[in-house]
Protein backbone atom coordinates (compact mmCIF):
# COMPACT_ATOMS: atom_id res chain seq x y z
CA UNK A 1 31.38 70.18 -9.07
CA UNK A 2 35.13 69.84 -8.61
CA UNK A 3 36.95 66.52 -8.32
CA UNK A 4 40.14 65.22 -6.77
CA UNK A 5 42.07 61.96 -6.99
CA UNK A 6 41.35 59.44 -4.26
CA UNK A 7 44.80 58.88 -2.82
CA UNK A 8 47.18 57.31 -5.35
CA UNK A 9 44.33 55.70 -7.30
CA UNK A 10 43.02 56.77 -10.67
CA UNK A 11 39.59 57.48 -9.22
CA UNK A 12 38.19 61.02 -9.26
CA UNK A 13 35.91 61.79 -6.33
CA UNK A 14 33.76 64.87 -5.86
CA UNK A 15 35.15 67.57 -3.59
CA UNK A 16 31.79 67.43 -1.82
CA UNK A 17 30.72 64.00 -0.54
CA UNK A 18 27.32 62.97 0.72
CA UNK A 19 27.21 61.85 4.35
CA UNK A 20 24.36 59.62 5.42
CA UNK A 21 24.38 59.06 9.17
CA UNK A 22 20.98 60.73 9.75
CA UNK A 23 19.15 58.32 7.44
CA UNK A 24 17.00 55.94 9.39
CA UNK A 25 16.75 58.21 12.44
CA UNK A 26 16.26 61.86 11.42
CA UNK A 27 15.50 61.05 7.77
CA UNK A 28 13.09 58.57 6.23
CA UNK A 29 13.87 56.21 3.38
CA UNK A 30 12.09 58.47 0.89
CA UNK A 31 14.05 61.48 2.13
CA UNK A 32 17.30 59.54 1.84
CA UNK A 33 16.47 58.65 -1.75
CA UNK A 34 15.68 62.28 -2.56
CA UNK A 35 19.02 63.38 -1.14
CA UNK A 36 20.84 60.80 -3.21
CA UNK A 37 18.99 61.90 -6.36
CA UNK A 38 19.85 65.56 -5.75
CA UNK A 39 23.46 64.82 -4.91
CA UNK A 40 23.94 62.81 -8.10
CA UNK A 41 22.27 65.55 -10.12
CA UNK A 42 24.72 68.11 -8.65
CA UNK A 43 27.77 66.02 -9.53
CA UNK A 44 28.46 64.35 -6.21
CA UNK A 45 29.77 60.83 -6.71
CA UNK A 46 31.19 59.93 -3.28
CA UNK A 47 28.61 58.52 -0.86
CA UNK A 48 29.82 57.69 2.66
CA UNK A 49 28.07 55.43 5.14
CA UNK A 50 28.86 52.88 7.86
CA UNK A 51 27.55 49.59 9.22
CA UNK A 52 26.90 51.41 12.55
CA UNK A 53 24.57 54.08 11.08
CA UNK A 54 22.24 55.76 11.76
CA UNK A 55 23.33 57.72 14.80
CA UNK A 56 22.80 57.64 17.65
CA UNK A 57 23.83 53.98 17.21
CA UNK A 58 21.10 51.68 18.45
CA UNK A 59 20.64 47.93 18.03
CA UNK A 60 17.11 48.39 16.65
CA UNK A 61 18.17 50.82 13.90
CA UNK A 62 21.67 49.50 13.09
CA UNK A 63 22.18 48.95 9.36
CA UNK A 64 19.15 50.99 8.34
CA UNK A 65 21.23 53.63 6.58
CA UNK A 66 23.00 51.10 4.37
CA UNK A 67 19.65 49.45 3.64
CA UNK A 68 18.20 52.76 2.40
CA UNK A 69 21.14 53.17 0.03
CA UNK A 70 20.59 49.60 -1.13
CA UNK A 71 16.94 50.17 -2.00
CA UNK A 72 17.92 53.36 -3.85
CA UNK A 73 20.47 51.43 -5.92
CA UNK A 74 17.99 48.69 -6.67
CA UNK A 75 15.36 51.19 -7.85
CA UNK A 76 17.77 53.02 -10.15
CA UNK A 77 19.51 50.73 -12.65
CA UNK A 78 22.93 52.04 -13.56
CA UNK A 79 23.26 54.22 -10.45
CA UNK A 80 25.87 51.92 -8.89
CA UNK A 81 28.33 52.75 -11.67
CA UNK A 82 27.88 56.46 -11.05
CA UNK A 83 28.90 56.54 -7.40
CA UNK A 84 31.96 55.77 -5.33
CA UNK A 85 30.46 53.88 -2.40
CA UNK A 86 32.27 54.07 0.92
CA UNK A 87 31.35 52.33 4.15
CA UNK A 88 33.03 51.45 7.45
CA UNK A 89 33.54 48.49 9.75
CA UNK A 90 33.16 49.28 13.45
CA UNK A 91 35.91 48.77 15.98
CA UNK A 92 35.76 47.49 19.55
CA UNK A 93 33.62 49.18 22.20
CA UNK A 94 36.48 50.22 24.47
CA UNK A 95 34.72 53.45 25.39
CA UNK A 96 31.23 53.80 26.89
CA UNK A 97 29.97 55.84 23.92
CA UNK A 98 30.91 53.20 21.35
CA UNK A 99 28.19 50.75 20.29
CA UNK A 100 28.42 47.39 22.05
CA UNK A 101 25.59 45.67 20.17
CA UNK A 102 27.57 44.85 17.04
CA UNK A 103 28.52 41.17 16.74
CA UNK A 104 27.77 40.42 20.36
CA UNK A 105 29.90 43.27 21.67
CA UNK A 106 33.05 41.78 20.16
CA UNK A 107 33.56 43.95 17.08
CA UNK A 108 37.28 43.81 16.33
CA UNK A 109 39.47 44.32 13.30
CA UNK A 110 40.20 40.63 12.94
CA UNK A 111 39.27 38.28 10.12
CA UNK A 112 36.03 36.95 11.55
CA UNK A 113 34.64 40.40 12.34
CA UNK A 114 35.73 42.17 9.16
CA UNK A 115 34.47 39.42 6.91
CA UNK A 116 31.14 39.23 8.74
CA UNK A 117 30.73 43.02 8.68
CA UNK A 118 31.53 43.25 4.97
CA UNK A 119 29.17 40.40 4.14
CA UNK A 120 26.29 42.14 5.95
CA UNK A 121 27.08 45.55 4.45
CA UNK A 122 27.12 44.14 0.92
CA UNK A 123 23.72 42.52 1.51
CA UNK A 124 22.16 45.70 2.89
CA UNK A 125 23.69 47.86 0.16
CA UNK A 126 22.60 45.35 -2.52
CA UNK A 127 25.96 45.46 -4.28
CA UNK A 128 28.81 43.02 -4.85
CA UNK A 129 31.68 45.36 -3.89
CA UNK A 130 32.63 48.39 -1.80
CA UNK A 131 34.76 51.05 -3.46
CA UNK A 132 36.28 52.35 -0.23
CA UNK A 133 36.21 50.18 2.89
CA UNK A 134 37.26 52.06 6.03
CA UNK A 135 38.10 51.11 9.61
CA UNK A 136 35.67 53.30 11.57
CA UNK A 137 38.00 53.76 14.52
CA UNK A 138 41.19 52.06 15.75
CA UNK A 139 41.22 48.65 17.37
CA UNK A 140 43.51 50.01 20.07
CA UNK A 141 42.94 52.58 22.81
CA UNK A 142 44.04 56.03 21.64
CA UNK A 143 42.68 59.57 21.56
CA UNK A 144 39.88 60.02 19.06
CA UNK A 145 36.22 61.18 19.09
CA UNK A 146 37.23 64.28 21.04
CA UNK A 147 39.27 62.60 23.76
CA UNK A 148 42.10 64.90 24.81
CA UNK A 149 45.53 63.46 25.43
CA UNK A 150 46.93 60.00 24.79
CA UNK A 151 46.42 57.44 27.55
CA UNK A 152 48.67 54.43 27.06
CA UNK A 153 47.34 51.00 27.98
CA UNK A 154 50.18 48.56 28.62
CA UNK A 155 49.82 45.03 27.19
CA UNK A 156 46.42 45.82 25.68
CA UNK A 157 44.75 43.01 23.72
CA UNK A 158 44.52 44.48 20.22
CA UNK A 159 44.49 43.10 16.71
CA UNK A 160 47.89 43.82 15.13
CA UNK A 161 47.71 46.32 12.29
CA UNK A 162 49.51 43.96 9.93
CA UNK A 163 46.96 41.24 10.62
CA UNK A 164 44.12 43.65 9.85
CA UNK A 165 45.83 44.69 6.61
CA UNK A 166 46.22 41.05 5.58
CA UNK A 167 42.47 40.51 5.95
CA UNK A 168 41.71 43.65 3.97
CA UNK A 169 44.21 42.54 1.32
CA UNK A 170 42.36 39.27 0.89
CA UNK A 171 39.09 41.16 0.43
CA UNK A 172 40.73 43.35 -2.22
CA UNK A 173 42.09 40.26 -3.99
CA UNK A 174 38.61 38.73 -3.90
CA UNK A 175 37.14 41.79 -5.61
CA UNK A 176 34.82 42.63 -2.74
CA UNK A 177 36.73 45.80 -1.85
CA UNK A 178 38.56 48.13 -4.24
CA UNK A 179 40.44 50.40 -1.84
CA UNK A 180 40.85 50.80 1.91
CA UNK A 181 40.87 53.78 4.22
CA UNK A 182 41.14 54.80 7.86
CA UNK A 183 38.90 56.87 10.11
CA UNK A 184 39.46 58.59 13.44
CA UNK A 185 43.14 57.67 13.19
CA UNK A 186 46.28 59.25 14.64
CA UNK A 187 49.61 60.07 12.96
CA UNK A 188 51.19 56.96 14.53
CA UNK A 189 48.38 54.79 13.21
CA UNK A 190 48.63 56.15 9.68
CA UNK A 191 52.39 55.60 9.74
CA UNK A 192 51.98 51.98 10.86
CA UNK A 193 49.44 51.18 8.15
CA UNK A 194 51.74 52.67 5.52
CA UNK A 195 54.81 50.93 6.92
CA UNK A 196 53.22 47.48 6.93
CA UNK A 197 51.75 48.00 3.48
CA UNK A 198 55.17 48.80 2.07
CA UNK A 199 57.11 46.09 3.90
CA UNK A 200 54.64 43.26 3.26
CA UNK A 201 53.20 44.22 -0.12
CA UNK A 202 49.74 44.79 1.33
CA UNK A 203 47.09 47.33 0.25
CA UNK A 204 47.93 50.93 0.93
CA UNK A 205 45.38 53.15 2.63
CA UNK A 206 44.18 55.91 0.32
CA UNK A 207 42.28 58.17 2.70
CA UNK A 208 41.68 59.11 6.32
CA UNK A 209 38.26 60.24 7.50
CA UNK A 210 38.70 62.51 10.52
CA UNK A 211 36.85 65.56 11.85
CA UNK A 212 37.85 68.93 10.46
CA UNK A 213 36.09 72.25 10.87
CA UNK A 214 36.67 75.81 12.12
CA UNK A 215 36.28 74.67 15.72
CA UNK A 216 38.54 71.66 15.30
CA UNK A 217 41.59 72.08 13.07
CA UNK A 218 43.67 69.53 14.97
CA UNK A 219 44.15 67.56 11.73
CA UNK A 220 46.58 70.27 10.67
CA UNK A 221 48.95 69.50 13.55
CA UNK A 222 50.14 65.98 12.80
CA UNK A 223 48.13 64.55 9.91
CA UNK A 224 48.05 67.22 7.22
CA UNK A 225 51.66 66.54 6.21
CA UNK A 226 50.95 62.80 5.98
CA UNK A 227 47.89 63.52 3.85
CA UNK A 228 49.88 65.53 1.30
CA UNK A 229 53.23 63.74 1.26
CA UNK A 230 51.82 60.20 1.37
CA UNK A 231 48.68 60.79 -0.71
CA UNK A 232 46.35 59.79 2.13
CA UNK A 233 43.92 62.67 1.75
CA UNK A 234 41.40 63.81 4.30
CA UNK A 235 37.74 62.95 4.02
CA UNK A 236 36.54 65.62 6.38
CA UNK A 237 33.58 64.79 8.58
CA UNK A 238 31.59 67.19 10.77
CA UNK A 239 32.64 70.21 8.66
CA UNK A 240 29.78 72.18 10.25
CA UNK A 241 30.52 70.86 13.77
CA UNK A 242 27.13 69.14 14.13
CA UNK A 243 25.50 72.25 12.63
CA UNK A 244 26.93 74.51 15.34
CA UNK A 245 28.83 76.64 12.79
CA UNK A 246 25.58 77.63 11.08
CA UNK A 247 24.88 79.74 14.17
CA UNK A 248 21.53 78.10 14.84
CA UNK A 249 22.44 77.22 18.45
CA UNK A 250 23.81 80.66 19.41
CA UNK A 251 22.33 82.54 22.37
CA UNK A 252 20.91 79.40 23.89
CA UNK A 253 18.67 78.51 20.98
CA UNK A 254 17.56 74.88 20.75
CA UNK A 255 15.93 74.34 17.34
CA UNK A 256 13.31 71.58 17.62
CA UNK A 257 14.35 68.35 15.96
CA UNK A 258 18.00 69.36 15.59
CA UNK A 259 20.62 66.80 16.51
CA UNK A 260 22.27 68.74 19.36
CA UNK A 261 18.82 69.58 20.75
CA UNK A 262 17.62 65.99 20.71
CA UNK A 263 20.63 64.08 22.04
CA UNK A 264 23.05 64.87 24.84
CA UNK A 265 25.73 62.70 23.26
CA UNK A 266 26.32 65.40 20.64
CA UNK A 267 28.02 67.81 23.00
CA UNK A 268 31.45 67.86 21.40
CA UNK A 269 31.03 71.38 20.01
CA UNK A 270 29.43 72.96 23.08
CA UNK A 271 31.02 75.21 25.70
CA UNK A 272 31.70 78.87 26.32
CA UNK A 273 34.84 79.06 24.17
CA UNK A 274 33.15 77.21 21.32
CA UNK A 275 30.22 79.60 21.50
CA UNK A 276 32.50 82.64 21.49
CA UNK A 277 34.47 81.35 18.47
CA UNK A 278 31.30 80.34 16.64
CA UNK A 279 29.75 83.77 17.15
CA UNK A 280 32.91 85.34 15.72
CA UNK A 281 32.87 83.11 12.62
CA UNK A 282 29.16 83.77 12.09
CA UNK A 283 29.80 87.51 12.37
CA UNK A 284 32.55 87.30 9.72
CA UNK A 285 30.19 85.49 7.37
CA UNK A 286 27.33 87.93 7.80
CA UNK A 287 29.50 91.04 7.45
CA UNK A 288 30.81 89.71 4.13
CA UNK A 289 27.44 88.58 2.82
CA UNK A 290 28.16 84.85 3.05
CA UNK A 291 25.94 82.33 4.77
CA UNK A 292 27.66 80.99 7.92
CA UNK A 293 27.27 77.43 6.68
CA UNK A 294 28.87 78.17 3.33
CA UNK A 295 31.72 80.11 4.93
CA UNK A 296 32.53 77.14 7.19
CA UNK A 297 32.31 74.65 4.33
CA UNK A 298 34.22 76.80 1.85
CA UNK A 299 37.07 77.03 4.36
CA UNK A 300 37.29 73.22 4.45
CA UNK A 301 36.93 72.93 0.66
CA UNK A 302 40.05 75.01 0.04
CA UNK A 303 42.49 72.93 2.10
CA UNK A 304 45.31 71.30 0.11
CA UNK A 305 45.23 68.15 2.25
CA UNK A 306 41.52 67.59 1.57
CA UNK A 307 40.24 64.93 -0.79
CA UNK A 308 36.52 65.41 -0.06
CA UNK A 309 34.31 67.32 2.33
CA UNK A 310 31.53 65.10 3.73
CA UNK A 311 28.37 67.13 4.16
CA UNK A 312 25.21 65.90 5.84
CA UNK A 313 21.73 67.37 5.77
CA UNK A 314 18.27 66.61 7.05
CA UNK A 315 16.47 68.60 4.35
CA UNK A 316 16.93 69.21 0.63
CA UNK A 317 17.24 72.94 1.30
CA UNK A 318 20.18 72.32 3.64
CA UNK A 319 21.71 69.99 1.08
CA UNK A 320 21.41 72.59 -1.70
CA UNK A 321 23.05 75.24 0.48
CA UNK A 322 25.88 72.91 1.49
CA UNK A 323 26.59 71.83 -2.09
CA UNK A 324 26.57 75.49 -3.07
CA UNK A 325 29.68 76.04 -0.94
CA UNK A 326 31.66 74.65 -3.87
CA UNK A 327 31.16 78.00 -5.65
CA UNK A 328 32.07 80.20 -2.68
CA UNK A 329 35.48 81.89 -2.88
CA UNK A 330 36.83 83.29 0.37
CA UNK A 331 38.84 86.46 -0.28
CA UNK A 332 42.06 87.06 1.62
CA UNK A 333 40.42 89.59 3.92
CA UNK A 334 37.96 86.91 5.07
CA UNK A 335 40.74 84.35 5.49
CA UNK A 336 42.74 86.83 7.56
CA UNK A 337 39.75 87.38 9.84
CA UNK A 338 39.21 83.65 10.22
CA UNK A 339 42.86 83.18 11.20
CA UNK A 340 42.57 85.97 13.75
CA UNK A 341 39.67 84.16 15.44
CA UNK A 342 41.59 80.88 15.32
CA UNK A 343 44.62 82.50 16.91
CA UNK A 344 42.46 83.88 19.71
CA UNK A 345 40.50 80.62 20.19
CA UNK A 346 42.56 77.75 18.72
CA UNK A 347 40.78 74.43 18.41
CA UNK A 348 38.21 74.88 21.19
CA UNK A 349 36.62 71.51 20.32
CA UNK A 350 39.35 69.03 19.29
């Protein structure tokens, strides 16, 4: 395994992180525990979850993923000291696809909500602190989760970023949170969090968890420079674009039990252009004797703005293959071919 610094901290996190959002829906508790065991054995130390998980987010399953991690920690004395545990607090349900069952439909980034969310996460995770506490999405209306274009809402009722930072600062001071991070954030949002941290002596965000994959390289446009210059590295989620980049959905295939097959909400990486680009990337991989999944992951792994690549799997075989991407080197000829496809079909699924 390879490791990188988490932001400007002294913490080394694995270049491959273990994502958990399928646990409690597509994966059982026993399967979750097996994945954690294998990940730890392979040198992964960053485990990412969220109070909202599993997905799709439902009131009857909410919190199950964190609970599975908690029972794993309880059953394995000493394991807590071996992992960097990251979770997220949900934001408001301003869009129809966002969960409205959390805290009576009033999940905000204010003191009452953040403190309640953290309290419940700590109980489910059976730990006394979170290493990286992230805001799952902004409190304000902006373009994230695949929404194209910025739509400004005048005089919107939002929690001021400085107020949110003050709450998070108190949690850091109390020892319940070590570091804080953002997720699904924009360049303006990152700038504001950094600005308020500097001007008011508040905690500085150390990471940003946004999507990044061969079908969606929009992070490169406005956030990559922030990530490098300000040491707010990317924790890349959906590096396989919901599994689309493995090629398993090409030519109309619908593998039984797969996420995109089961739920219509996972349509972000569908469409004719996405299929054309995916087929081209899969062809590159196969011609060069690389598995499509490992080609897609290895491309993410090599980015200078990356802190960690969050992989998810529903089987141990998938997990082994994904972790194995750490040893895949993409020669310049392959990189040139990838760039040619990107030039022809840039960001078909932002």
